[in-house]
Amino acid sequence: MKQQKGKIDVLFANAGLWEFTPLEGITEAHFDKIFRTNVKGLLFTVQKALPLFQDGGSIILTGSESASKGFGALSVYSATKAAIRSFVRSWTVDLKNRKIRVNVISPGPIDTLAFRLTVSEQLMKNLVSTVPLGRRGTPDEVAKAVTFLASDDSSYITGIELFVDGGIAQI
């Protein structure tokens, strides 16, 4: 398979499933569904890619500012994103001999179709009011940050969490 498929230089593992569920409404099925997608799926994606990975490459995972801030009805989702941040710390050590850089990008509210379909207009206004820059981010702004972490411009950066969140996690 290695000869047929070549090598991987950059892996952007982007998984994010959320459901607004308050603590008293969390079920085992809800917990398993969110963790299976956001944590288990991401872990095994990276693990399966490693044999094809170039030494000196870059792995970028998608976290969320919600791993650093408390938001109601998102505790399971937030916990999955905190697990991803922990993966970055551990995998940075695990992969240091191969000089593979591992980082996490943590977006805030981003103007995506999924966000618009799952968040009410009132909740969106309330959330945006907490963003110091006063707006939702764009997918292009996240892509530019990912591109930076994938490039040689970030060759001395590993183990970090880069927030693309308009400042919401910093205040």
N, C-alpha and C. Protein backbone atom coordinates (compact mmCIF):
# COMPACT_ATOMS: atom_id res chain seq x y z
N MET A 1 0.83 -1.19 0.00
CA MET A 1 0.00 0.00 0.00
C MET A 1 0.88 1.26 0.00
N LYS A 2 2.00 1.23 0.76
CA LYS A 2 2.87 2.40 0.82
C LYS A 2 3.35 2.81 -0.56
N GLN A 3 3.79 1.83 -1.36
CA GLN A 3 4.31 2.15 -2.68
C GLN A 3 3.20 2.69 -3.59
N GLN A 4 2.01 2.19 -3.46
CA GLN A 4 0.91 2.64 -4.30
C GLN A 4 0.43 4.04 -3.91
N LYS A 5 0.42 4.34 -2.64
CA LYS A 5 -0.20 5.58 -2.17
C LYS A 5 0.79 6.69 -1.88
N GLY A 6 2.09 6.40 -1.81
CA GLY A 6 3.05 7.46 -1.55
C GLY A 6 3.15 7.79 -0.08
N LYS A 7 3.51 9.01 0.20
CA LYS A 7 3.74 9.48 1.57
C LYS A 7 2.81 10.65 1.89
N ILE A 8 2.62 10.84 3.18
CA ILE A 8 1.80 11.95 3.66
C ILE A 8 2.74 12.96 4.31
N ASP A 9 2.62 14.23 3.93
CA ASP A 9 3.39 15.31 4.55
C ASP A 9 2.57 16.07 5.59
N VAL A 10 1.28 16.21 5.32
CA VAL A 10 0.40 16.99 6.19
C VAL A 10 -0.91 16.23 6.36
N LEU A 11 -1.37 16.18 7.60
CA LEU A 11 -2.67 15.60 7.89
C LEU A 11 -3.46 16.62 8.70
N PHE A 12 -4.62 16.98 8.19
CA PHE A 12 -5.54 17.86 8.91
C PHE A 12 -6.72 17.01 9.31
N ALA A 13 -6.78 16.65 10.58
CA ALA A 13 -7.85 15.80 11.10
C ALA A 13 -8.91 16.70 11.72
N ASN A 14 -10.02 16.82 11.04
CA ASN A 14 -11.06 17.77 11.39
C ASN A 14 -12.36 17.01 11.63
N ALA A 15 -12.68 16.78 12.90
CA ALA A 15 -13.94 16.13 13.25
C ALA A 15 -14.64 16.96 14.29
N GLY A 16 -15.91 17.17 14.12
CA GLY A 16 -16.63 17.95 15.11
C GLY A 16 -18.13 17.75 15.03
N LEU A 17 -18.63 16.94 15.93
CA LEU A 17 -20.07 16.70 16.03
C LEU A 17 -20.51 17.24 17.39
N TRP A 18 -21.56 18.04 17.40
CA TRP A 18 -22.07 18.56 18.66
C TRP A 18 -23.57 18.47 18.68
N GLU A 19 -24.10 18.35 19.88
CA GLU A 19 -25.54 18.41 20.12
C GLU A 19 -25.71 19.16 21.44
N PHE A 20 -26.56 20.15 21.44
CA PHE A 20 -26.82 20.89 22.66
C PHE A 20 -27.64 20.01 23.60
N THR A 21 -27.01 19.59 24.69
CA THR A 21 -27.66 18.71 25.65
C THR A 21 -27.25 19.13 27.06
N PRO A 22 -28.20 19.61 27.86
CA PRO A 22 -27.86 19.98 29.23
C PRO A 22 -27.48 18.74 30.04
N LEU A 23 -26.76 18.96 31.13
CA LEU A 23 -26.26 17.87 31.96
C LEU A 23 -27.32 16.83 32.28
N GLU A 24 -28.49 17.28 32.69
CA GLU A 24 -29.53 16.32 33.10
C GLU A 24 -30.10 15.53 31.91
N GLY A 25 -29.82 15.96 30.69
CA GLY A 25 -30.32 15.25 29.51
C GLY A 25 -29.30 14.34 28.83
N ILE A 26 -28.06 14.33 29.33
CA ILE A 26 -27.02 13.51 28.70
C ILE A 26 -27.31 12.04 28.93
N THR A 27 -27.26 11.29 27.84
CA THR A 27 -27.45 9.84 27.92
C THR A 27 -26.15 9.15 27.51
N GLU A 28 -26.07 7.88 27.78
CA GLU A 28 -24.90 7.11 27.36
C GLU A 28 -24.77 7.13 25.84
N ALA A 29 -25.90 7.04 25.15
CA ALA A 29 -25.88 7.06 23.69
C ALA A 29 -25.34 8.39 23.16
N HIS A 30 -25.77 9.50 23.76
CA HIS A 30 -25.28 10.83 23.38
C HIS A 30 -23.77 10.90 23.59
N PHE A 31 -23.33 10.52 24.80
CA PHE A 31 -21.91 10.55 25.13
C PHE A 31 -21.10 9.72 24.13
N ASP A 32 -21.52 8.48 23.90
CA ASP A 32 -20.79 7.59 22.99
C ASP A 32 -20.73 8.14 21.57
N LYS A 33 -21.82 8.70 21.11
CA LYS A 33 -21.88 9.24 19.75
C LYS A 33 -20.88 10.39 19.56
N ILE A 34 -20.86 11.33 20.50
CA ILE A 34 -19.98 12.50 20.39
C ILE A 34 -18.52 12.08 20.55
N PHE A 35 -18.22 11.24 21.54
CA PHE A 35 -16.84 10.79 21.74
C PHE A 35 -16.36 9.89 20.60
N ARG A 36 -17.24 9.05 20.07
CA ARG A 36 -16.86 8.16 18.96
C ARG A 36 -16.41 8.97 17.75
N THR A 37 -17.13 10.02 17.44
CA THR A 37 -16.79 10.84 16.27
C THR A 37 -15.58 11.74 16.55
N ASN A 38 -15.67 12.52 17.62
CA ASN A 38 -14.69 13.58 17.85
C ASN A 38 -13.36 13.09 18.40
N VAL A 39 -13.36 12.00 19.15
CA VAL A 39 -12.13 11.53 19.79
C VAL A 39 -11.65 10.23 19.16
N LYS A 40 -12.47 9.22 19.22
CA LYS A 40 -12.05 7.91 18.70
C LYS A 40 -11.76 7.98 17.20
N GLY A 41 -12.62 8.60 16.43
CA GLY A 41 -12.42 8.70 14.99
C GLY A 41 -11.15 9.46 14.65
N LEU A 42 -10.89 10.54 15.37
CA LEU A 42 -9.69 11.34 15.13
C LEU A 42 -8.42 10.56 15.50
N LEU A 43 -8.43 9.91 16.65
CA LEU A 43 -7.27 9.13 17.09
C LEU A 43 -6.89 8.07 16.06
N PHE A 44 -7.86 7.29 15.61
CA PHE A 44 -7.54 6.20 14.70
C PHE A 44 -7.24 6.68 13.28
N THR A 45 -7.76 7.83 12.91
CA THR A 45 -7.37 8.43 11.63
C THR A 45 -5.88 8.75 11.65
N VAL A 46 -5.42 9.41 12.71
CA VAL A 46 -4.00 9.75 12.82
C VAL A 46 -3.16 8.49 12.92
N GLN A 47 -3.57 7.55 13.74
CA GLN A 47 -2.79 6.32 13.91
C GLN A 47 -2.63 5.56 12.58
N LYS A 48 -3.70 5.46 11.82
CA LYS A 48 -3.63 4.72 10.55
C LYS A 48 -2.78 5.45 9.51
N ALA A 49 -2.67 6.77 9.62
CA ALA A 49 -1.86 7.55 8.68
C ALA A 49 -0.37 7.49 9.00
N LEU A 50 0.00 7.18 10.23
CA LEU A 50 1.40 7.26 10.65
C LEU A 50 2.37 6.44 9.79
N PRO A 51 2.02 5.21 9.38
CA PRO A 51 2.98 4.45 8.57
C PRO A 51 3.30 5.13 7.23
N LEU A 52 2.41 5.97 6.75
CA LEU A 52 2.64 6.68 5.49
C LEU A 52 3.22 8.07 5.69
N PHE A 53 3.38 8.46 6.95
CA PHE A 53 3.75 9.83 7.25
C PHE A 53 5.24 10.07 7.08
N GLN A 54 5.55 11.18 6.43
CA GLN A 54 6.94 11.62 6.25
C GLN A 54 7.48 12.12 7.58
N ASP A 55 8.72 11.77 7.90
CA ASP A 55 9.37 12.40 9.03
C ASP A 55 9.46 13.89 8.72
N GLY A 56 9.25 14.71 9.74
CA GLY A 56 9.27 16.15 9.53
C GLY A 56 7.95 16.72 9.04
N GLY A 57 6.91 15.92 9.00
CA GLY A 57 5.60 16.38 8.54
C GLY A 57 4.84 17.14 9.62
N SER A 58 3.59 17.40 9.34
CA SER A 58 2.76 18.21 10.23
C SER A 58 1.37 17.58 10.38
N ILE A 59 0.96 17.40 11.62
CA ILE A 59 -0.39 16.93 11.94
C ILE A 59 -1.11 18.09 12.61
N ILE A 60 -2.29 18.41 12.10
CA ILE A 60 -3.10 19.50 12.66
C ILE A 60 -4.47 18.91 13.00
N LEU A 61 -4.87 19.09 14.24
CA LEU A 61 -6.15 18.60 14.71
C LEU A 61 -7.08 19.80 14.92
N THR A 62 -8.38 19.53 14.90
CA THR A 62 -9.34 20.59 15.18
C THR A 62 -9.89 20.44 16.58
N GLY A 63 -9.64 21.47 17.39
CA GLY A 63 -10.21 21.55 18.72
C GLY A 63 -11.36 22.54 18.71
N SER A 64 -11.49 23.28 19.79
CA SER A 64 -12.54 24.29 19.89
C SER A 64 -12.26 25.17 21.09
N GLU A 65 -12.65 26.42 20.99
CA GLU A 65 -12.52 27.31 22.14
C GLU A 65 -13.37 26.82 23.29
N SER A 66 -14.36 25.97 23.00
CA SER A 66 -15.23 25.48 24.08
C SER A 66 -14.51 24.53 25.03
N ALA A 67 -13.33 24.05 24.66
CA ALA A 67 -12.53 23.24 25.59
C ALA A 67 -11.92 24.11 26.68
N SER A 68 -11.85 25.42 26.44
CA SER A 68 -11.24 26.35 27.39
C SER A 68 -12.26 27.22 28.12
N LYS A 69 -13.47 27.30 27.61
CA LYS A 69 -14.52 28.13 28.19
C LYS A 69 -15.72 27.24 28.50
N GLY A 70 -16.49 27.64 29.47
CA GLY A 70 -17.70 26.89 29.78
C GLY A 70 -18.89 27.42 29.01
N PHE A 71 -19.57 26.53 28.31
CA PHE A 71 -20.80 26.88 27.60
C PHE A 71 -21.88 25.90 28.02
N GLY A 72 -23.06 26.39 28.35
CA GLY A 72 -24.15 25.53 28.76
C GLY A 72 -24.55 24.56 27.67
N ALA A 73 -24.90 23.36 28.08
CA ALA A 73 -25.42 22.30 27.21
C ALA A 73 -24.40 21.78 26.20
N LEU A 74 -23.12 22.07 26.42
CA LEU A 74 -22.07 21.57 25.52
C LEU A 74 -20.97 20.83 26.27
N SER A 75 -21.26 20.30 27.44
CA SER A 75 -20.20 19.70 28.26
C SER A 75 -19.56 18.48 27.60
N VAL A 76 -20.32 17.64 26.95
CA VAL A 76 -19.73 16.46 26.31
C VAL A 76 -18.88 16.88 25.12
N TYR A 77 -19.41 17.75 24.28
CA TYR A 77 -18.63 18.26 23.15
C TYR A 77 -17.34 18.91 23.64
N SER A 78 -17.45 19.76 24.66
CA SER A 78 -16.28 20.46 25.19
C SER A 78 -15.25 19.47 25.73
N ALA A 79 -15.70 18.42 26.36
CA ALA A 79 -14.78 17.40 26.88
C ALA A 79 -14.04 16.70 25.74
N THR A 80 -14.73 16.47 24.62
CA THR A 80 -14.04 15.83 23.49
C THR A 80 -12.95 16.73 22.95
N LYS A 81 -13.21 18.02 22.90
CA LYS A 81 -12.21 18.95 22.38
C LYS A 81 -11.05 19.13 23.36
N ALA A 82 -11.32 19.00 24.66
CA ALA A 82 -10.23 19.01 25.64
C ALA A 82 -9.37 17.75 25.48
N ALA A 83 -9.98 16.64 25.16
CA ALA A 83 -9.21 15.41 24.90
C ALA A 83 -8.28 15.59 23.71
N ILE A 84 -8.76 16.28 22.69
CA ILE A 84 -7.93 16.53 21.50
C ILE A 84 -6.74 17.40 21.87
N ARG A 85 -6.95 18.40 22.70
CA ARG A 85 -5.83 19.23 23.15
C ARG A 85 -4.80 18.37 23.88
N SER A 86 -5.28 17.43 24.67
CA SER A 86 -4.38 16.52 25.39
C SER A 86 -3.63 15.61 24.42
N PHE A 87 -4.30 15.14 23.38
CA PHE A 87 -3.61 14.34 22.35
C PHE A 87 -2.41 15.12 21.80
N VAL A 88 -2.61 16.39 21.51
CA VAL A 88 -1.53 17.20 20.92
C VAL A 88 -0.31 17.22 21.83
N ARG A 89 -0.54 17.40 23.10
CA ARG A 89 0.58 17.42 24.05
C ARG A 89 1.31 16.07 24.05
N SER A 90 0.56 14.99 24.15
CA SER A 90 1.17 13.66 24.21
C SER A 90 1.82 13.25 22.90
N TRP A 91 1.13 13.51 21.78
CA TRP A 91 1.67 13.09 20.48
C TRP A 91 2.88 13.92 20.08
N THR A 92 2.97 15.15 20.58
CA THR A 92 4.17 15.95 20.33
C THR A 92 5.39 15.23 20.90
N VAL A 93 5.24 14.63 22.07
CA VAL A 93 6.33 13.86 22.68
C VAL A 93 6.51 12.53 21.94
N ASP A 94 5.40 11.83 21.66
CA ASP A 94 5.47 10.54 20.99
C ASP A 94 6.17 10.62 19.63
N LEU A 95 5.99 11.72 18.92
CA LEU A 95 6.49 11.82 17.54
C LEU A 95 7.72 12.71 17.40
N LYS A 96 8.30 13.12 18.52
CA LYS A 96 9.45 14.04 18.45
C LYS A 96 10.64 13.44 17.72
N ASN A 97 10.88 12.13 17.85
CA ASN A 97 12.01 11.52 17.16
C ASN A 97 11.84 11.51 15.64
N ARG A 98 10.61 11.58 15.20
CA ARG A 98 10.34 11.64 13.75
C ARG A 98 10.20 13.09 13.29
N LYS A 99 10.35 14.02 14.21
CA LYS A 99 10.24 15.46 13.91
C LYS A 99 8.91 15.81 13.24
N ILE A 100 7.88 15.08 13.63
CA ILE A 100 6.52 15.37 13.15
C ILE A 100 5.92 16.38 14.12
N ARG A 101 5.52 17.52 13.61
CA ARG A 101 4.90 18.57 14.41
C ARG A 101 3.42 18.27 14.57
N VAL A 102 2.92 18.43 15.79
CA VAL A 102 1.51 18.19 16.08
C VAL A 102 0.95 19.44 16.76
N ASN A 103 -0.10 20.00 16.20
CA ASN A 103 -0.73 21.21 16.73
C ASN A 103 -2.24 21.10 16.63
N VAL A 104 -2.91 21.95 17.37
CA VAL A 104 -4.38 21.99 17.32
C VAL A 104 -4.83 23.41 17.00
N ILE A 105 -5.79 23.50 16.13
CA ILE A 105 -6.43 24.76 15.77
C ILE A 105 -7.77 24.78 16.51
N SER A 106 -8.06 25.84 17.24
CA SER A 106 -9.29 25.90 18.03
C SER A 106 -10.15 27.08 17.59
N PRO A 107 -11.08 26.82 16.69
CA PRO A 107 -11.96 27.89 16.22
C PRO A 107 -13.00 28.27 17.27
N GLY A 108 -13.46 29.49 17.13
CA GLY A 108 -14.62 29.95 17.88
C GLY A 108 -15.83 29.82 16.97
N PRO A 109 -16.82 30.68 17.13
CA PRO A 109 -17.99 30.61 16.26
C PRO A 109 -17.60 30.99 14.82
N ILE A 110 -17.75 30.04 13.94
CA ILE A 110 -17.39 30.21 12.53
C ILE A 110 -18.67 30.13 11.70
N ASP A 111 -18.79 31.01 10.74
CA ASP A 111 -19.99 31.11 9.91
C ASP A 111 -20.02 29.98 8.87
N THR A 112 -20.43 28.80 9.33
CA THR A 112 -20.57 27.65 8.44
C THR A 112 -22.05 27.29 8.33
N LEU A 113 -22.38 26.52 7.34
CA LEU A 113 -23.76 26.06 7.17
C LEU A 113 -24.20 25.24 8.39
N ALA A 114 -23.33 24.36 8.87
CA ALA A 114 -23.68 23.54 10.04
C ALA A 114 -23.99 24.43 11.25
N PHE A 115 -23.20 25.47 11.44
CA PHE A 115 -23.43 26.38 12.57
C PHE A 115 -24.78 27.09 12.40
N ARG A 116 -25.04 27.57 11.20
CA ARG A 116 -26.30 28.30 10.95
C ARG A 116 -27.51 27.39 11.11
N LEU A 117 -27.37 26.10 10.77
CA LEU A 117 -28.50 25.17 10.86
C LEU A 117 -28.77 24.68 12.28
N THR A 118 -27.77 24.74 13.17
CA THR A 118 -27.93 24.16 14.50
C THR A 118 -28.07 25.19 15.61
N VAL A 119 -27.78 26.44 15.32
CA VAL A 119 -27.81 27.47 16.36
C VAL A 119 -28.92 28.47 16.02
N SER A 120 -29.79 28.71 17.00
CA SER A 120 -30.87 29.66 16.78
C SER A 120 -30.30 31.06 16.57
N GLU A 121 -31.08 31.91 15.94
CA GLU A 121 -30.65 33.28 15.68
C GLU A 121 -30.36 34.02 16.98
N GLN A 122 -31.19 33.79 18.00
CA GLN A 122 -30.97 34.45 19.30
C GLN A 122 -29.69 33.95 19.96
N LEU A 123 -29.47 32.64 19.94
CA LEU A 123 -28.25 32.10 20.53
C LEU A 123 -27.01 32.60 19.77
N MET A 124 -27.13 32.70 18.45
CA MET A 124 -26.03 33.20 17.64
C MET A 124 -25.69 34.64 18.04
N LYS A 125 -26.72 35.48 18.21
CA LYS A 125 -26.50 36.87 18.62
C LYS A 125 -25.85 36.93 20.00
N ASN A 126 -26.33 36.10 20.93
CA ASN A 126 -25.76 36.07 22.27
C ASN A 126 -24.29 35.64 22.23
N LEU A 127 -23.99 34.63 21.46
CA LEU A 127 -22.62 34.13 21.36
C LEU A 127 -21.70 35.18 20.73
N VAL A 128 -22.14 35.76 19.63
CA VAL A 128 -21.32 36.77 18.95
C VAL A 128 -21.08 37.97 19.86
N SER A 129 -22.02 38.28 20.73
CA SER A 129 -21.84 39.43 21.64
C SER A 129 -20.70 39.19 22.63
N THR A 130 -20.28 37.94 22.81
CA THR A 130 -19.17 37.62 23.72
C THR A 130 -17.82 37.60 23.01
N VAL A 131 -17.83 37.73 21.68
CA VAL A 131 -16.59 37.70 20.89
C VAL A 131 -16.01 39.11 20.84
N PRO A 132 -14.78 39.31 21.33
CA PRO A 132 -14.21 40.65 21.31
C PRO A 132 -14.22 41.32 19.93
N LEU A 133 -14.03 40.56 18.87
CA LEU A 133 -14.07 41.16 17.53
C LEU A 133 -15.50 41.39 17.03
N GLY A 134 -16.51 40.92 17.78
CA GLY A 134 -17.90 41.25 17.50
C GLY A 134 -18.51 40.59 16.28
N ARG A 135 -17.95 39.45 15.85
CA ARG A 135 -18.51 38.78 14.67
C ARG A 135 -18.11 37.31 14.69
N ARG A 136 -18.77 36.54 13.82
CA ARG A 136 -18.34 35.16 13.59
C ARG A 136 -17.14 35.17 12.66
N GLY A 137 -16.30 34.18 12.81
CA GLY A 137 -15.19 34.03 11.89
C GLY A 137 -15.65 33.38 10.60
N THR A 138 -14.75 33.33 9.62
CA THR A 138 -15.08 32.69 8.33
C THR A 138 -14.27 31.42 8.18
N PRO A 139 -14.78 30.48 7.40
CA PRO A 139 -14.00 29.27 7.12
C PRO A 139 -12.63 29.61 6.52
N ASP A 140 -12.56 30.66 5.72
CA ASP A 140 -11.29 31.06 5.12
C ASP A 140 -10.27 31.48 6.18
N GLU A 141 -10.73 32.13 7.23
CA GLU A 141 -9.81 32.53 8.31
C GLU A 141 -9.24 31.30 9.02
N VAL A 142 -10.05 30.29 9.21
CA VAL A 142 -9.56 29.04 9.81
C VAL A 142 -8.59 28.36 8.85
N ALA A 143 -8.95 28.31 7.57
CA ALA A 143 -8.09 27.66 6.57
C ALA A 143 -6.72 28.32 6.50
N LYS A 144 -6.66 29.62 6.62
CA LYS A 144 -5.36 30.32 6.60
C LYS A 144 -4.50 29.93 7.79
N ALA A 145 -5.11 29.76 8.95
CA ALA A 145 -4.35 29.35 10.13
C ALA A 145 -3.86 27.91 9.98
N VAL A 146 -4.70 27.04 9.43
CA VAL A 146 -4.30 25.66 9.18
C VAL A 146 -3.16 25.61 8.16
N THR A 147 -3.28 26.40 7.11
CA THR A 147 -2.23 26.47 6.09
C THR A 147 -0.90 26.91 6.71
N PHE A 148 -0.96 27.89 7.60
CA PHE A 148 0.26 28.32 8.29
C PHE A 148 0.88 27.16 9.07
N LEU A 149 0.08 26.43 9.86
CA LEU A 149 0.61 25.33 10.66
C LEU A 149 1.11 24.17 9.79
N ALA A 150 0.57 24.05 8.59
CA ALA A 150 1.02 23.00 7.67
C ALA A 150 2.31 23.37 6.95
N SER A 151 2.63 24.65 6.90
CA SER A 151 3.74 25.14 6.09
C SER A 151 5.06 25.16 6.85
N ASP A 152 6.12 25.35 6.10
CA ASP A 152 7.45 25.51 6.70
C ASP A 152 7.57 26.81 7.48
N ASP A 153 6.63 27.74 7.29
CA ASP A 153 6.65 28.98 8.06
C ASP A 153 6.46 28.72 9.56
N SER A 154 5.94 27.55 9.90
CA SER A 154 5.74 27.19 11.31
C SER A 154 6.67 26.03 11.71
N SER A 155 7.83 25.94 11.08
CA SER A 155 8.73 24.80 11.28
C SER A 155 9.25 24.66 12.71
N TYR A 156 9.15 25.67 13.53
CA TYR A 156 9.61 25.59 14.91
C TYR A 156 8.44 25.70 15.89
N ILE A 157 7.27 25.27 15.43
CA ILE A 157 6.07 25.33 16.25
C ILE A 157 5.49 23.92 16.35
N THR A 158 5.38 23.43 17.58
CA THR A 158 4.74 22.14 17.81
C THR A 158 4.15 22.11 19.21
N GLY A 159 3.08 21.37 19.36
CA GLY A 159 2.44 21.21 20.66
C GLY A 159 1.53 22.36 21.06
N ILE A 160 1.24 23.28 20.14
CA ILE A 160 0.46 24.47 20.51
C ILE A 160 -1.03 24.31 20.21
N GLU A 161 -1.78 25.19 20.82
CA GLU A 161 -3.19 25.38 20.48
C GLU A 161 -3.29 26.80 19.93
N LEU A 162 -3.68 26.91 18.68
CA LEU A 162 -3.83 28.21 18.03
C LEU A 162 -5.33 28.52 17.95
N PHE A 163 -5.72 29.55 18.68
CA PHE A 163 -7.12 29.96 18.70
C PHE A 163 -7.41 30.86 17.51
N VAL A 164 -8.47 30.52 16.78
CA VAL A 164 -9.00 31.35 15.69
C VAL A 164 -10.44 31.62 16.10
N ASP A 165 -10.58 32.54 17.05
CA ASP A 165 -11.86 32.66 17.74
C ASP A 165 -12.28 34.08 18.05
N GLY A 166 -11.62 35.05 17.41
CA GLY A 166 -11.96 36.44 17.67
C GLY A 166 -11.68 36.89 19.09
N GLY A 167 -10.90 36.10 19.84
CA GLY A 167 -10.51 36.45 21.20
C GLY A 167 -11.40 35.89 22.30
N ILE A 168 -12.41 35.12 21.94
CA ILE A 168 -13.39 34.67 22.94
C ILE A 168 -12.77 33.81 24.05
N ALA A 169 -11.78 32.97 23.72
CA ALA A 169 -11.18 32.10 24.74
C ALA A 169 -10.17 32.83 25.60
N GLN A 170 -9.81 34.04 25.21
CA GLN A 170 -8.75 34.76 25.91
C GLN A 170 -9.27 35.70 26.99
N ILE A 171 -10.58 35.89 27.05
CA ILE A 171 -11.11 36.82 28.04
C ILE A 171 -12.09 36.11 28.97
